[in-house]
Structure formats: structure tokens, C-alpha cells
Amino acid sequence: MTIAAQQVSACTCGSSIHGKSAWEVAKLQAADARAIFEGSPEHFDLQWDVLSAKDGGLISADDPGPRRDKWAHMLVTFRVQKAYKGDLGPKVRVITGVGGGDCGARFAPGLTYLVYGWGRICMN
């Protein structure tokens, strides 16, 4: 089932969508989202190239800067309870930061979330 999972990103940063009211912003975000679903997180996987380094291998001490693929991130697998938008399977993988200025969203097991997905850009 994980092979068929969709992948989107999540963060808690401010949106670039602005409106006259919270309702208008929500409507604009829903129209712009690639996927909208209700789901519960089932699996959390911390991914960082430092964690996958081989014994004796070199690890750069440089700031990864704009190379987001080198940043630490959390891959959260959600069980989709109800899909509102998008062709979603029973599971969706969400990539989010780990906090500390990288816009990471925090998810807790056992809770149900309404997730707006914008591909690898951002999801609130």
C-alpha cells in the first residue's frame, strides 16, 4: 500500500494566499490545493542525509542553504479517512520540516487532521 501512496508537503508557515476574510482565504486555499483530505498519522520517519551516511564517509559541515533535499525532514504517513479533493489512495505521505524555522507541522498519532496539500510547496 505504501507504494501507491501519494506524497505532499506540510508546513505551518503563513500562506501566500490573502483574502478579505478567513472564509475567503479558506475558499482560495481549497481552490488552489492539489489534495484535501481528512486523515490520521500512522507512521513517522525522520529523513536526513546525515542519518544515512556510511561509516567513514564524509559529511559536509556547510549550511545546506537552498538545497532543501539536504535538510532534515519528517515523512508522515496518513491513513486517509475521507478525500475531498484529489485522486488519493488509502494512504498519503506528507513531507514536513522538523521545526526551528523550517515551517515544520507537528502531527500526533491518534488525532484526525484536515490536510490541504500543495505538492512539495507547503500544506497547512
PDB file of N, CA and C in Angstrom:
ATOM      1  N   MET A   1       0.807  -1.192   0.000  1.00  0.00           N
ATOM      2  CA  MET A   1       0.000   0.000   0.000  1.00  0.00           C
ATOM      3  C   MET A   1       0.851   1.256   0.000  1.00  0.00           C
ATOM      4  N   THR A   2       1.993   1.234   0.619  1.00  0.00           N
ATOM      5  CA  THR A   2       2.837   2.418   0.671  1.00  0.00           C
ATOM      6  C   THR A   2       3.318   2.802  -0.717  1.00  0.00           C
ATOM      7  N   ILE A   3       3.511   1.858  -1.606  1.00  0.00           N
ATOM      8  CA  ILE A   3       3.967   2.162  -2.958  1.00  0.00           C
ATOM      9  C   ILE A   3       2.944   3.028  -3.681  1.00  0.00           C
ATOM     10  N   ALA A   4       1.670   2.808  -3.429  1.00  0.00           N
ATOM     11  CA  ALA A   4       0.618   3.572  -4.101  1.00  0.00           C
ATOM     12  C   ALA A   4       0.309   4.888  -3.395  1.00  0.00           C
ATOM     13  N   ALA A   5       1.018   5.193  -2.346  1.00  0.00           N
ATOM     14  CA  ALA A   5       0.723   6.402  -1.578  1.00  0.00           C
ATOM     15  C   ALA A   5       1.080   7.654  -2.359  1.00  0.00           C
ATOM     16  N   GLN A   6       0.286   8.684  -2.195  1.00  0.00           N
ATOM     17  CA  GLN A   6       0.570  10.000  -2.762  1.00  0.00           C
ATOM     18  C   GLN A   6       1.536  10.704  -1.828  1.00  0.00           C
ATOM     19  N   GLN A   7       2.262  11.716  -2.329  1.00  0.00           N
ATOM     20  CA  GLN A   7       3.211  12.446  -1.488  1.00  0.00           C
ATOM     21  C   GLN A   7       2.974  13.937  -1.628  1.00  0.00           C
ATOM     22  N   VAL A   8       2.829  14.628  -0.499  1.00  0.00           N
ATOM     23  CA  VAL A   8       2.639  16.064  -0.460  1.00  0.00           C
ATOM     24  C   VAL A   8       3.478  16.639   0.674  1.00  0.00           C
ATOM     25  N   SER A   9       3.530  17.957   0.793  1.00  0.00           N
ATOM     26  CA  SER A   9       4.306  18.595   1.858  1.00  0.00           C
ATOM     27  C   SER A   9       3.393  19.295   2.850  1.00  0.00           C
ATOM     28  N   ALA A  10       3.915  19.541   4.037  1.00  0.00           N
ATOM     29  CA  ALA A  10       3.151  20.215   5.076  1.00  0.00           C
ATOM     30  C   ALA A  10       4.026  21.199   5.809  1.00  0.00           C
ATOM     31  N   CYS A  11       3.480  22.325   6.146  1.00  0.00           N
ATOM     32  CA  CYS A  11       4.213  23.275   6.981  1.00  0.00           C
ATOM     33  C   CYS A  11       3.221  24.177   7.698  1.00  0.00           C
ATOM     34  N   THR A  12       3.729  24.952   8.609  1.00  0.00           N
ATOM     35  CA  THR A  12       2.875  25.863   9.372  1.00  0.00           C
ATOM     36  C   THR A  12       3.185  27.312   9.053  1.00  0.00           C
ATOM     37  N   CYS A  13       3.938  27.557   7.997  1.00  0.00           N
ATOM     38  CA  CYS A  13       4.259  28.937   7.605  1.00  0.00           C
ATOM     39  C   CYS A  13       3.009  29.639   7.087  1.00  0.00           C
ATOM     40  N   GLY A  14       3.093  30.935   7.044  1.00  0.00           N
ATOM     41  CA  GLY A  14       1.988  31.707   6.500  1.00  0.00           C
ATOM     42  C   GLY A  14       1.804  31.411   5.027  1.00  0.00           C
ATOM     43  N   SER A  15       0.586  31.485   4.585  1.00  0.00           N
ATOM     44  CA  SER A  15       0.256  31.222   3.199  1.00  0.00           C
ATOM     45  C   SER A  15       0.483  32.470   2.364  1.00  0.00           C
ATOM     46  N   SER A  16       0.726  32.274   1.081  1.00  0.00           N
ATOM     47  CA  SER A  16       0.839  33.407   0.167  1.00  0.00           C
ATOM     48  C   SER A  16      -0.530  33.834  -0.330  1.00  0.00           C
ATOM     49  N   ILE A  17      -1.573  33.127   0.094  1.00  0.00           N
ATOM     50  CA  ILE A  17      -2.946  33.451  -0.301  1.00  0.00           C
ATOM     51  C   ILE A  17      -3.534  34.400   0.735  1.00  0.00           C
ATOM     52  N   HIS A  18      -4.064  35.516   0.259  1.00  0.00           N
ATOM     53  CA  HIS A  18      -4.668  36.510   1.148  1.00  0.00           C
ATOM     54  C   HIS A  18      -6.082  36.817   0.671  1.00  0.00           C
ATOM     55  N   GLY A  19      -6.957  37.149   1.611  1.00  0.00           N
ATOM     56  CA  GLY A  19      -8.328  37.485   1.273  1.00  0.00           C
ATOM     57  C   GLY A  19      -8.889  38.480   2.267  1.00  0.00           C
ATOM     58  N   LYS A  20     -10.125  38.873   2.040  1.00  0.00           N
ATOM     59  CA  LYS A  20     -10.786  39.871   2.898  1.00  0.00           C
ATOM     60  C   LYS A  20     -11.237  39.281   4.233  1.00  0.00           C
ATOM     61  N   SER A  21     -11.398  37.954   4.269  1.00  0.00           N
ATOM     62  CA  SER A  21     -11.843  37.290   5.499  1.00  0.00           C
ATOM     63  C   SER A  21     -11.234  35.897   5.561  1.00  0.00           C
ATOM     64  N   ALA A  22     -11.320  35.283   6.726  1.00  0.00           N
ATOM     65  CA  ALA A  22     -10.810  33.917   6.888  1.00  0.00           C
ATOM     66  C   ALA A  22     -11.558  32.951   5.972  1.00  0.00           C
ATOM     67  N   TRP A  23     -12.851  33.165   5.786  1.00  0.00           N
ATOM     68  CA  TRP A  23     -13.651  32.304   4.916  1.00  0.00           C
ATOM     69  C   TRP A  23     -13.176  32.413   3.468  1.00  0.00           C
ATOM     70  N   GLU A  24     -12.895  33.636   3.020  1.00  0.00           N
ATOM     71  CA  GLU A  24     -12.407  33.830   1.656  1.00  0.00           C
ATOM     72  C   GLU A  24     -11.034  33.168   1.462  1.00  0.00           C
ATOM     73  N   VAL A  25     -10.159  33.303   2.452  1.00  0.00           N
ATOM     74  CA  VAL A  25      -8.841  32.668   2.380  1.00  0.00           C
ATOM     75  C   VAL A  25      -8.998  31.152   2.296  1.00  0.00           C
ATOM     76  N   ALA A  26      -9.897  30.578   3.105  1.00  0.00           N
ATOM     77  CA  ALA A  26     -10.122  29.130   3.087  1.00  0.00           C
ATOM     78  C   ALA A  26     -10.623  28.675   1.716  1.00  0.00           C
ATOM     79  N   LYS A  27     -11.517  29.426   1.111  1.00  0.00           N
ATOM     80  CA  LYS A  27     -12.035  29.075  -0.216  1.00  0.00           C
ATOM     81  C   LYS A  27     -10.929  29.149  -1.267  1.00  0.00           C
ATOM     82  N   LEU A  28     -10.086  30.182  -1.192  1.00  0.00           N
ATOM     83  CA  LEU A  28      -8.984  30.319  -2.148  1.00  0.00           C
ATOM     84  C   LEU A  28      -7.965  29.201  -1.968  1.00  0.00           C
ATOM     85  N   GLN A  29      -7.664  28.842  -0.715  1.00  0.00           N
ATOM     86  CA  GLN A  29      -6.731  27.748  -0.453  1.00  0.00           C
ATOM     87  C   GLN A  29      -7.282  26.424  -0.971  1.00  0.00           C
ATOM     88  N   ALA A  30      -8.573  26.189  -0.773  1.00  0.00           N
ATOM     89  CA  ALA A  30      -9.192  24.947  -1.244  1.00  0.00           C
ATOM     90  C   ALA A  30      -9.148  24.868  -2.771  1.00  0.00           C
ATOM     91  N   ALA A  31      -9.376  25.993  -3.431  1.00  0.00           N
ATOM     92  CA  ALA A  31      -9.338  26.010  -4.895  1.00  0.00           C
ATOM     93  C   ALA A  31      -7.923  25.756  -5.412  1.00  0.00           C
ATOM     94  N   ASP A  32      -6.920  26.223  -4.673  1.00  0.00           N
ATOM     95  CA  ASP A  32      -5.520  26.110  -5.096  1.00  0.00           C
ATOM     96  C   ASP A  32      -4.876  24.779  -4.707  1.00  0.00           C
ATOM     97  N   ALA A  33      -5.454  24.078  -3.738  1.00  0.00           N
ATOM     98  CA  ALA A  33      -4.857  22.840  -3.221  1.00  0.00           C
ATOM     99  C   ALA A  33      -4.934  21.705  -4.238  1.00  0.00           C
ATOM    100  N   ARG A  34      -3.892  20.909  -4.282  1.00  0.00           N
ATOM    101  CA  ARG A  34      -3.875  19.716  -5.136  1.00  0.00           C
ATOM    102  C   ARG A  34      -4.662  18.574  -4.494  1.00  0.00           C
ATOM    103  N   ALA A  35      -4.654  18.528  -3.168  1.00  0.00           N
ATOM    104  CA  ALA A  35      -5.353  17.474  -2.437  1.00  0.00           C
ATOM    105  C   ALA A  35      -5.883  18.039  -1.127  1.00  0.00           C
ATOM    106  N   ILE A  36      -7.066  17.581  -0.740  1.00  0.00           N
ATOM    107  CA  ILE A  36      -7.645  17.912   0.567  1.00  0.00           C
ATOM    108  C   ILE A  36      -8.210  16.610   1.120  1.00  0.00           C
ATOM    109  N   PHE A  37      -7.825  16.284   2.354  1.00  0.00           N
ATOM    110  CA  PHE A  37      -8.317  15.044   2.931  1.00  0.00           C
ATOM    111  C   PHE A  37      -8.348  15.134   4.446  1.00  0.00           C
ATOM    112  N   GLU A  38      -9.153  14.260   5.052  1.00  0.00           N
ATOM    113  CA  GLU A  38      -9.119  14.021   6.492  1.00  0.00           C
ATOM    114  C   GLU A  38      -8.327  12.744   6.687  1.00  0.00           C
ATOM    115  N   GLY A  39      -7.405  12.770   7.658  1.00  0.00           N
ATOM    116  CA  GLY A  39      -6.627  11.573   7.891  1.00  0.00           C
ATOM    117  C   GLY A  39      -5.949  11.569   9.242  1.00  0.00           C
ATOM    118  N   SER A  40      -5.484  10.382   9.621  1.00  0.00           N
ATOM    119  CA  SER A  40      -4.770  10.196  10.887  1.00  0.00           C
ATOM    120  C   SER A  40      -3.354   9.723  10.586  1.00  0.00           C
ATOM    121  N   PRO A  41      -2.356  10.346  11.237  1.00  0.00           N
ATOM    122  CA  PRO A  41      -0.981   9.901  11.013  1.00  0.00           C
ATOM    123  C   PRO A  41      -0.747   8.524  11.626  1.00  0.00           C
ATOM    124  N   GLU A  42      -0.092   7.654  10.843  1.00  0.00           N
ATOM    125  CA  GLU A  42       0.183   6.287  11.302  1.00  0.00           C
ATOM    126  C   GLU A  42       1.660   6.006  11.491  1.00  0.00           C
ATOM    127  N   HIS A  43       2.507   6.655  10.698  1.00  0.00           N
ATOM    128  CA  HIS A  43       3.938   6.342  10.733  1.00  0.00           C
ATOM    129  C   HIS A  43       4.742   7.620  10.546  1.00  0.00           C
ATOM    130  N   PHE A  44       5.808   7.764  11.327  1.00  0.00           N
ATOM    131  CA  PHE A  44       6.688   8.927  11.266  1.00  0.00           C
ATOM    132  C   PHE A  44       8.097   8.448  10.949  1.00  0.00           C
ATOM    133  N   ASP A  45       8.720   9.062   9.945  1.00  0.00           N
ATOM    134  CA  ASP A  45      10.062   8.646   9.538  1.00  0.00           C
ATOM    135  C   ASP A  45      10.942   9.889   9.363  1.00  0.00           C
ATOM    136  N   LEU A  46      11.911  10.081  10.269  1.00  0.00           N
ATOM    137  CA  LEU A  46      12.846  11.191  10.169  1.00  0.00           C
ATOM    138  C   LEU A  46      13.841  10.882   9.060  1.00  0.00           C
ATOM    139  N   GLN A  47      13.950  11.787   8.098  1.00  0.00           N
ATOM    140  CA  GLN A  47      14.869  11.593   6.983  1.00  0.00           C
ATOM    141  C   GLN A  47      15.861  12.750   6.935  1.00  0.00           C
ATOM    142  N   TRP A  48      17.141  12.390   6.834  1.00  0.00           N
ATOM    143  CA  TRP A  48      18.212  13.384   6.799  1.00  0.00           C
ATOM    144  C   TRP A  48      19.429  12.684   6.235  1.00  0.00           C
ATOM    145  N   ASP A  49      20.101  13.295   5.295  1.00  0.00           N
ATOM    146  CA  ASP A  49      21.240  12.618   4.671  1.00  0.00           C
ATOM    147  C   ASP A  49      22.328  12.270   5.684  1.00  0.00           C
ATOM    148  N   VAL A  50      22.416  12.996   6.776  1.00  0.00           N
ATOM    149  CA  VAL A  50      23.407  12.693   7.813  1.00  0.00           C
ATOM    150  C   VAL A  50      23.119  11.319   8.439  1.00  0.00           C
ATOM    151  N   LEU A  51      21.846  10.972   8.574  1.00  0.00           N
ATOM    152  CA  LEU A  51      21.473   9.685   9.183  1.00  0.00           C
ATOM    153  C   LEU A  51      21.782   8.499   8.275  1.00  0.00           C
ATOM    154  N   SER A  52      21.876   8.736   6.971  1.00  0.00           N
ATOM    155  CA  SER A  52      22.135   7.638   6.046  1.00  0.00           C
ATOM    156  C   SER A  52      23.593   7.585   5.594  1.00  0.00           C
ATOM    157  N   ALA A  53      24.458   8.389   6.212  1.00  0.00           N
ATOM    158  CA  ALA A  53      25.877   8.400   5.841  1.00  0.00           C
ATOM    159  C   ALA A  53      26.526   7.064   6.187  1.00  0.00           C
ATOM    160  N   LYS A  54      27.451   6.647   5.340  1.00  0.00           N
ATOM    161  CA  LYS A  54      28.180   5.389   5.552  1.00  0.00           C
ATOM    162  C   LYS A  54      29.324   5.611   6.543  1.00  0.00           C
ATOM    163  N   ASP A  55      29.694   4.559   7.258  1.00  0.00           N
ATOM    164  CA  ASP A  55      30.843   4.605   8.170  1.00  0.00           C
ATOM    165  C   ASP A  55      32.086   5.064   7.409  1.00  0.00           C
ATOM    166  N   GLY A  56      32.759   6.071   7.919  1.00  0.00           N
ATOM    167  CA  GLY A  56      33.967   6.570   7.285  1.00  0.00           C
ATOM    168  C   GLY A  56      33.710   7.551   6.161  1.00  0.00           C
ATOM    169  N   GLY A  57      32.447   7.749   5.809  1.00  0.00           N
ATOM    170  CA  GLY A  57      32.098   8.690   4.739  1.00  0.00           C
ATOM    171  C   GLY A  57      32.201  10.129   5.222  1.00  0.00           C
ATOM    172  N   LEU A  58      32.332  11.027   4.280  1.00  0.00           N
ATOM    173  CA  LEU A  58      32.414  12.446   4.611  1.00  0.00           C
ATOM    174  C   LEU A  58      31.019  13.045   4.701  1.00  0.00           C
ATOM    175  N   ILE A  59      30.848  13.920   5.681  1.00  0.00           N
ATOM    176  CA  ILE A  59      29.588  14.644   5.843  1.00  0.00           C
ATOM    177  C   ILE A  59      29.929  16.117   5.802  1.00  0.00           C
ATOM    178  N   SER A  60      29.241  16.851   4.950  1.00  0.00           N
ATOM    179  CA  SER A  60      29.507  18.274   4.814  1.00  0.00           C
ATOM    180  C   SER A  60      29.060  19.010   6.069  1.00  0.00           C
ATOM    181  N   ALA A  61      29.884  19.927   6.518  1.00  0.00           N
ATOM    182  CA  ALA A  61      29.539  20.764   7.667  1.00  0.00           C
ATOM    183  C   ALA A  61      28.953  22.089   7.204  1.00  0.00           C
ATOM    184  N   ASP A  62      28.852  22.270   5.881  1.00  0.00           N
ATOM    185  CA  ASP A  62      28.311  23.509   5.325  1.00  0.00           C
ATOM    186  C   ASP A  62      26.805  23.575   5.545  1.00  0.00           C
ATOM    187  N   ASP A  63      26.309  24.787   5.613  1.00  0.00           N
ATOM    188  CA  ASP A  63      24.878  25.024   5.664  1.00  0.00           C
ATOM    189  C   ASP A  63      24.289  24.571   4.325  1.00  0.00           C
ATOM    190  N   PRO A  64      23.243  23.720   4.331  1.00  0.00           N
ATOM    191  CA  PRO A  64      22.696  23.244   3.066  1.00  0.00           C
ATOM    192  C   PRO A  64      22.036  24.353   2.245  1.00  0.00           C
ATOM    193  N   GLY A  65      21.746  25.497   2.892  1.00  0.00           N
ATOM    194  CA  GLY A  65      21.169  26.629   2.172  1.00  0.00           C
ATOM    195  C   GLY A  65      19.893  26.250   1.449  1.00  0.00           C
ATOM    196  N   PRO A  66      19.794  26.638   0.184  1.00  0.00           N
ATOM    197  CA  PRO A  66      18.544  26.391  -0.532  1.00  0.00           C
ATOM    198  C   PRO A  66      18.333  24.939  -0.946  1.00  0.00           C
ATOM    199  N   ARG A  67      19.297  24.070  -0.744  1.00  0.00           N
ATOM    200  CA  ARG A  67      19.151  22.663  -1.128  1.00  0.00           C
ATOM    201  C   ARG A  67      18.274  21.935  -0.120  1.00  0.00           C
ATOM    202  N   ARG A  68      16.984  22.086  -0.270  1.00  0.00           N
ATOM    203  CA  ARG A  68      16.038  21.514   0.685  1.00  0.00           C
ATOM    204  C   ARG A  68      16.111  19.996   0.760  1.00  0.00           C
ATOM    205  N   ASP A  69      16.601  19.342  -0.286  1.00  0.00           N
ATOM    206  CA  ASP A  69      16.719  17.886  -0.247  1.00  0.00           C
ATOM    207  C   ASP A  69      17.758  17.444   0.782  1.00  0.00           C
ATOM    208  N   LYS A  70      18.605  18.350   1.226  1.00  0.00           N
ATOM    209  CA  LYS A  70      19.624  18.036   2.239  1.00  0.00           C
ATOM    210  C   LYS A  70      19.146  18.364   3.653  1.00  0.00           C
ATOM    211  N   TRP A  71      18.043  19.086   3.772  1.00  0.00           N
ATOM    212  CA  TRP A  71      17.516  19.455   5.089  1.00  0.00           C
ATOM    213  C   TRP A  71      16.891  18.227   5.748  1.00  0.00           C
ATOM    214  N   ALA A  72      16.941  18.206   7.069  1.00  0.00           N
ATOM    215  CA  ALA A  72      16.220  17.166   7.807  1.00  0.00           C
ATOM    216  C   ALA A  72      14.725  17.405   7.613  1.00  0.00           C
ATOM    217  N   HIS A  73      13.972  16.330   7.444  1.00  0.00           N
ATOM    218  CA  HIS A  73      12.520  16.455   7.308  1.00  0.00           C
ATOM    219  C   HIS A  73      11.856  15.191   7.843  1.00  0.00           C
ATOM    220  N   MET A  74      10.582  15.320   8.103  1.00  0.00           N
ATOM    221  CA  MET A  74       9.792  14.213   8.616  1.00  0.00           C
ATOM    222  C   MET A  74       8.845  13.745   7.516  1.00  0.00           C
ATOM    223  N   LEU A  75       8.822  12.454   7.279  1.00  0.00           N
ATOM    224  CA  LEU A  75       7.885  11.857   6.334  1.00  0.00           C
ATOM    225  C   LEU A  75       6.792  11.194   7.173  1.00  0.00           C
ATOM    226  N   VAL A  76       5.578  11.726   7.079  1.00  0.00           N
ATOM    227  CA  VAL A  76       4.453  11.238   7.880  1.00  0.00           C
ATOM    228  C   VAL A  76       3.473  10.517   6.958  1.00  0.00           C
ATOM    229  N   THR A  77       3.161   9.271   7.281  1.00  0.00           N
ATOM    230  CA  THR A  77       2.185   8.513   6.505  1.00  0.00           C
ATOM    231  C   THR A  77       0.828   8.623   7.182  1.00  0.00           C
ATOM    232  N   PHE A  78      -0.154   9.124   6.444  1.00  0.00           N
ATOM    233  CA  PHE A  78      -1.522   9.272   6.932  1.00  0.00           C
ATOM    234  C   PHE A  78      -2.404   8.184   6.351  1.00  0.00           C
ATOM    235  N   ARG A  79      -3.324   7.688   7.159  1.00  0.00           N
ATOM    236  CA  ARG A  79      -4.415   6.859   6.645  1.00  0.00           C
ATOM    237  C   ARG A  79      -5.544   7.821   6.298  1.00  0.00           C
ATOM    238  N   VAL A  80      -5.926   7.830   5.039  1.00  0.00           N
ATOM    239  CA  VAL A  80      -6.972   8.744   4.560  1.00  0.00           C
ATOM    240  C   VAL A  80      -8.326   8.220   5.002  1.00  0.00           C
ATOM    241  N   GLN A  81      -9.062   9.064   5.722  1.00  0.00           N
ATOM    242  CA  GLN A  81     -10.401   8.686   6.161  1.00  0.00           C
ATOM    243  C   GLN A  81     -11.456   9.189   5.181  1.00  0.00           C
ATOM    244  N   LYS A  82     -11.202  10.393   4.631  1.00  0.00           N
ATOM    245  CA  LYS A  82     -12.141  10.945   3.652  1.00  0.00           C
ATOM    246  C   LYS A  82     -11.373  11.906   2.755  1.00  0.00           C
ATOM    247  N   ALA A  83     -11.467  11.691   1.444  1.00  0.00           N
ATOM    248  CA  ALA A  83     -10.813  12.572   0.477  1.00  0.00           C
ATOM    249  C   ALA A  83     -11.840  13.571  -0.057  1.00  0.00           C
ATOM    250  N   TYR A  84     -11.493  14.840  -0.034  1.00  0.00           N
ATOM    251  CA  TYR A  84     -12.359  15.889  -0.554  1.00  0.00           C
ATOM    252  C   TYR A  84     -11.905  16.369  -1.927  1.00  0.00           C
ATOM    253  N   LYS A  85     -10.611  16.262  -2.193  1.00  0.00           N
ATOM    254  CA  LYS A  85     -10.067  16.712  -3.469  1.00  0.00           C
ATOM    255  C   LYS A  85      -8.825  15.892  -3.782  1.00  0.00           C
ATOM    256  N   GLY A  86      -8.683  15.490  -5.018  1.00  0.00           N
ATOM    257  CA  GLY A  86      -7.514  14.730  -5.436  1.00  0.00           C
ATOM    258  C   GLY A  86      -7.816  13.252  -5.530  1.00  0.00           C
ATOM    259  N   ASP A  87      -7.026  12.582  -6.334  1.00  0.00           N
ATOM    260  CA  ASP A  87      -7.150  11.140  -6.524  1.00  0.00           C
ATOM    261  C   ASP A  87      -6.235  10.458  -5.515  1.00  0.00           C
ATOM    262  N   LEU A  88      -6.741  10.258  -4.305  1.00  0.00           N
ATOM    263  CA  LEU A  88      -5.935   9.730  -3.203  1.00  0.00           C
ATOM    264  C   LEU A  88      -6.237   8.267  -2.954  1.00  0.00           C
ATOM    265  N   GLY A  89      -5.210   7.552  -2.587  1.00  0.00           N
ATOM    266  CA  GLY A  89      -5.370   6.167  -2.184  1.00  0.00           C
ATOM    267  C   GLY A  89      -5.678   6.107  -0.702  1.00  0.00           C
ATOM    268  N   PRO A  90      -5.577   4.927  -0.110  1.00  0.00           N
ATOM    269  CA  PRO A  90      -5.888   4.783   1.318  1.00  0.00           C
ATOM    270  C   PRO A  90      -4.824   5.401   2.223  1.00  0.00           C
ATOM    271  N   LYS A  91      -3.629   5.659   1.650  1.00  0.00           N
ATOM    272  CA  LYS A  91      -2.557   6.272   2.441  1.00  0.00           C
ATOM    273  C   LYS A  91      -1.936   7.418   1.660  1.00  0.00           C
ATOM    274  N   VAL A  92      -1.510   8.437   2.405  1.00  0.00           N
ATOM    275  CA  VAL A  92      -0.845   9.606   1.831  1.00  0.00           C
ATOM    276  C   VAL A  92       0.391   9.896   2.663  1.00  0.00           C
ATOM    277  N   ARG A  93       1.503  10.149   1.993  1.00  0.00           N
ATOM    278  CA  ARG A  93       2.733  10.528   2.690  1.00  0.00           C
ATOM    279  C   ARG A  93       2.898  12.036   2.615  1.00  0.00           C
ATOM    280  N   VAL A  94       3.153  12.649   3.763  1.00  0.00           N
ATOM    281  CA  VAL A  94       3.301  14.094   3.877  1.00  0.00           C
ATOM    282  C   VAL A  94       4.724  14.393   4.327  1.00  0.00           C
ATOM    283  N   ILE A  95       5.401  15.271   3.604  1.00  0.00           N
ATOM    284  CA  ILE A  95       6.740  15.702   3.994  1.00  0.00           C
ATOM    285  C   ILE A  95       6.606  17.041   4.699  1.00  0.00           C
ATOM    286  N   THR A  96       7.198  17.156   5.868  1.00  0.00           N
ATOM    287  CA  THR A  96       7.189  18.406   6.612  1.00  0.00           C
ATOM    288  C   THR A  96       8.562  18.594   7.259  1.00  0.00           C
ATOM    289  N   GLY A  97       8.858  19.823   7.617  1.00  0.00           N
ATOM    290  CA  GLY A  97      10.123  20.105   8.298  1.00  0.00           C
ATOM    291  C   GLY A  97      10.087  19.579   9.722  1.00  0.00           C
ATOM    292  N   VAL A  98      11.158  19.835  10.459  1.00  0.00           N
ATOM    293  CA  VAL A  98      11.234  19.362  11.837  1.00  0.00           C
ATOM    294  C   VAL A  98      11.159  20.513  12.836  1.00  0.00           C
ATOM    295  N   GLY A  99      10.854  21.711  12.368  1.00  0.00           N
ATOM    296  CA  GLY A  99      10.746  22.874  13.244  1.00  0.00           C
ATOM    297  C   GLY A  99      12.030  23.680  13.265  1.00  0.00           C
ATOM    298  N   GLY A 100      12.066  24.681  14.094  1.00  0.00           N
ATOM    299  CA  GLY A 100      13.256  25.515  14.191  1.00  0.00           C
ATOM    300  C   GLY A 100      13.434  26.431  12.998  1.00  0.00           C
ATOM    301  N   GLY A 101      12.342  26.921  12.438  1.00  0.00           N
ATOM    302  CA  GLY A 101      12.422  27.861  11.333  1.00  0.00           C
ATOM    303  C   GLY A 101      12.203  27.248   9.964  1.00  0.00           C
ATOM    304  N   ASP A 102      11.988  25.945   9.876  1.00  0.00           N
ATOM    305  CA  ASP A 102      11.777  25.338   8.562  1.00  0.00           C
ATOM    306  C   ASP A 102      10.303  25.058   8.270  1.00  0.00           C
ATOM    307  N   CYS A 103       9.425  25.676   9.011  1.00  0.00           N
ATOM    308  CA  CYS A 103       7.974  25.588   8.771  1.00  0.00           C
ATOM    309  C   CYS A 103       7.400  24.199   9.026  1.00  0.00           C
ATOM    310  N   GLY A 104       8.010  23.417   9.871  1.00  0.00           N
ATOM    311  CA  GLY A 104       7.522  22.069  10.110  1.00  0.00           C
ATOM    312  C   GLY A 104       6.185  22.041  10.826  1.00  0.00           C
ATOM    313  N   ALA A 105       5.279  21.195  10.340  1.00  0.00           N
ATOM    314  CA  ALA A 105       3.997  20.976  11.002  1.00  0.00           C
ATOM    315  C   ALA A 105       4.172  19.851  12.006  1.00  0.00           C
ATOM    316  N   ARG A 106       3.465  19.915  13.102  1.00  0.00           N
ATOM    317  CA  ARG A 106       3.534  18.859  14.117  1.00  0.00           C
ATOM    318  C   ARG A 106       2.256  18.040  14.059  1.00  0.00           C
ATOM    319  N   PHE A 107       2.424  16.741  13.960  1.00  0.00           N
ATOM    320  CA  PHE A 107       1.291  15.827  13.916  1.00  0.00           C
ATOM    321  C   PHE A 107       1.425  14.842  15.067  1.00  0.00           C
ATOM    322  N   ALA A 108       0.295  14.443  15.626  1.00  0.00           N
ATOM    323  CA  ALA A 108       0.284  13.486  16.735  1.00  0.00           C
ATOM    324  C   ALA A 108      -0.528  12.258  16.332  1.00  0.00           C
ATOM    325  N   PRO A 109      -0.040  11.065  16.668  1.00  0.00           N
ATOM    326  CA  PRO A 109      -0.804   9.860  16.356  1.00  0.00           C
ATOM    327  C   PRO A 109      -2.130   9.845  17.102  1.00  0.00           C
ATOM    328  N   GLY A 110      -3.131   9.246  16.470  1.00  0.00           N
ATOM    329  CA  GLY A 110      -4.438   9.121  17.107  1.00  0.00           C
ATOM    330  C   GLY A 110      -5.369  10.297  16.868  1.00  0.00           C
ATOM    331  N   LEU A 111      -4.860  11.405  16.328  1.00  0.00           N
ATOM    332  CA  LEU A 111      -5.699  12.554  16.022  1.00  0.00           C
ATOM    333  C   LEU A 111      -6.057  12.550  14.543  1.00  0.00           C
ATOM    334  N   THR A 112      -7.170  13.188  14.206  1.00  0.00           N
ATOM    335  CA  THR A 112      -7.579  13.324  12.813  1.00  0.00           C
ATOM    336  C   THR A 112      -7.342  14.764  12.381  1.00  0.00           C
ATOM    337  N   TYR A 113      -6.739  14.927  11.198  1.00  0.00           N
ATOM    338  CA  TYR A 113      -6.397  16.248  10.668  1.00  0.00           C
ATOM    339  C   TYR A 113      -7.105  16.482   9.345  1.00  0.00           C
ATOM    340  N   LEU A 114      -7.450  17.731   9.084  1.00  0.00           N
ATOM    341  CA  LEU A 114      -7.905  18.161   7.768  1.00  0.00           C
ATOM    342  C   LEU A 114      -6.675  18.743   7.093  1.00  0.00           C
ATOM    343  N   VAL A 115      -6.225  18.104   6.014  1.00  0.00           N
ATOM    344  CA  VAL A 115      -4.955  18.448   5.383  1.00  0.00           C
ATOM    345  C   VAL A 115      -5.204  19.013   3.989  1.00  0.00           C
ATOM    346  N   TYR A 116      -4.627  20.189   3.734  1.00  0.00           N
ATOM    347  CA  TYR A 116      -4.625  20.796   2.409  1.00  0.00           C
ATOM    348  C   TYR A 116      -3.235  20.563   1.827  1.00  0.00           C
ATOM    349  N   GLY A 117      -3.135  19.951   0.664  1.00  0.00           N
ATOM    350  CA  GLY A 117      -1.842  19.620   0.085  1.00  0.00           C
ATOM    351  C   GLY A 117      -1.552  20.389  -1.190  1.00  0.00           C
ATOM    352  N   TRP A 118      -0.350  20.971  -1.262  1.00  0.00           N
ATOM    353  CA  TRP A 118       0.094  21.714  -2.438  1.00  0.00           C
ATOM    354  C   TRP A 118       1.349  21.105  -3.016  1.00  0.00           C
ATOM    355  N   GLY A 119       1.407  19.804  -3.192  1.00  0.00           N
ATOM    356  CA  GLY A 119       2.625  19.180  -3.719  1.00  0.00           C
ATOM    357  C   GLY A 119       3.756  19.338  -2.747  1.00  0.00           C
ATOM    358  N   ARG A 120       4.940  19.700  -3.245  1.00  0.00           N
ATOM    359  CA  ARG A 120       6.108  19.829  -2.380  1.00  0.00           C
ATOM    360  C   ARG A 120       6.303  21.265  -1.928  1.00  0.00           C
ATOM    361  N   ILE A 121       5.321  22.124  -2.081  1.00  0.00           N
ATOM    362  CA  ILE A 121       5.483  23.519  -1.720  1.00  0.00           C
ATOM    363  C   ILE A 121       5.157  23.735  -0.250  1.00  0.00           C
ATOM    364  N   CYS A 122       3.920  23.562   0.143  1.00  0.00           N
ATOM    365  CA  CYS A 122       3.520  23.793   1.530  1.00  0.00           C
ATOM    366  C   CYS A 122       2.106  23.269   1.723  1.00  0.00           C
ATOM    367  N   MET A 123       1.788  22.806   2.917  1.00  0.00           N
ATOM    368  CA  MET A 123       0.432  22.390   3.228  1.00  0.00           C
ATOM    369  C   MET A 123       0.133  22.811   4.651  1.00  0.00           C
ATOM    370  N   ASN A 124      -0.998  23.464   4.865  1.00  0.00           N
ATOM    371  CA  ASN A 124      -1.405  23.881   6.218  1.00  0.00           C
ATOM    372  C   ASN A 124      -2.483  22.966   6.737  1.00  0.00           C
TER     373      ASN A 124
END
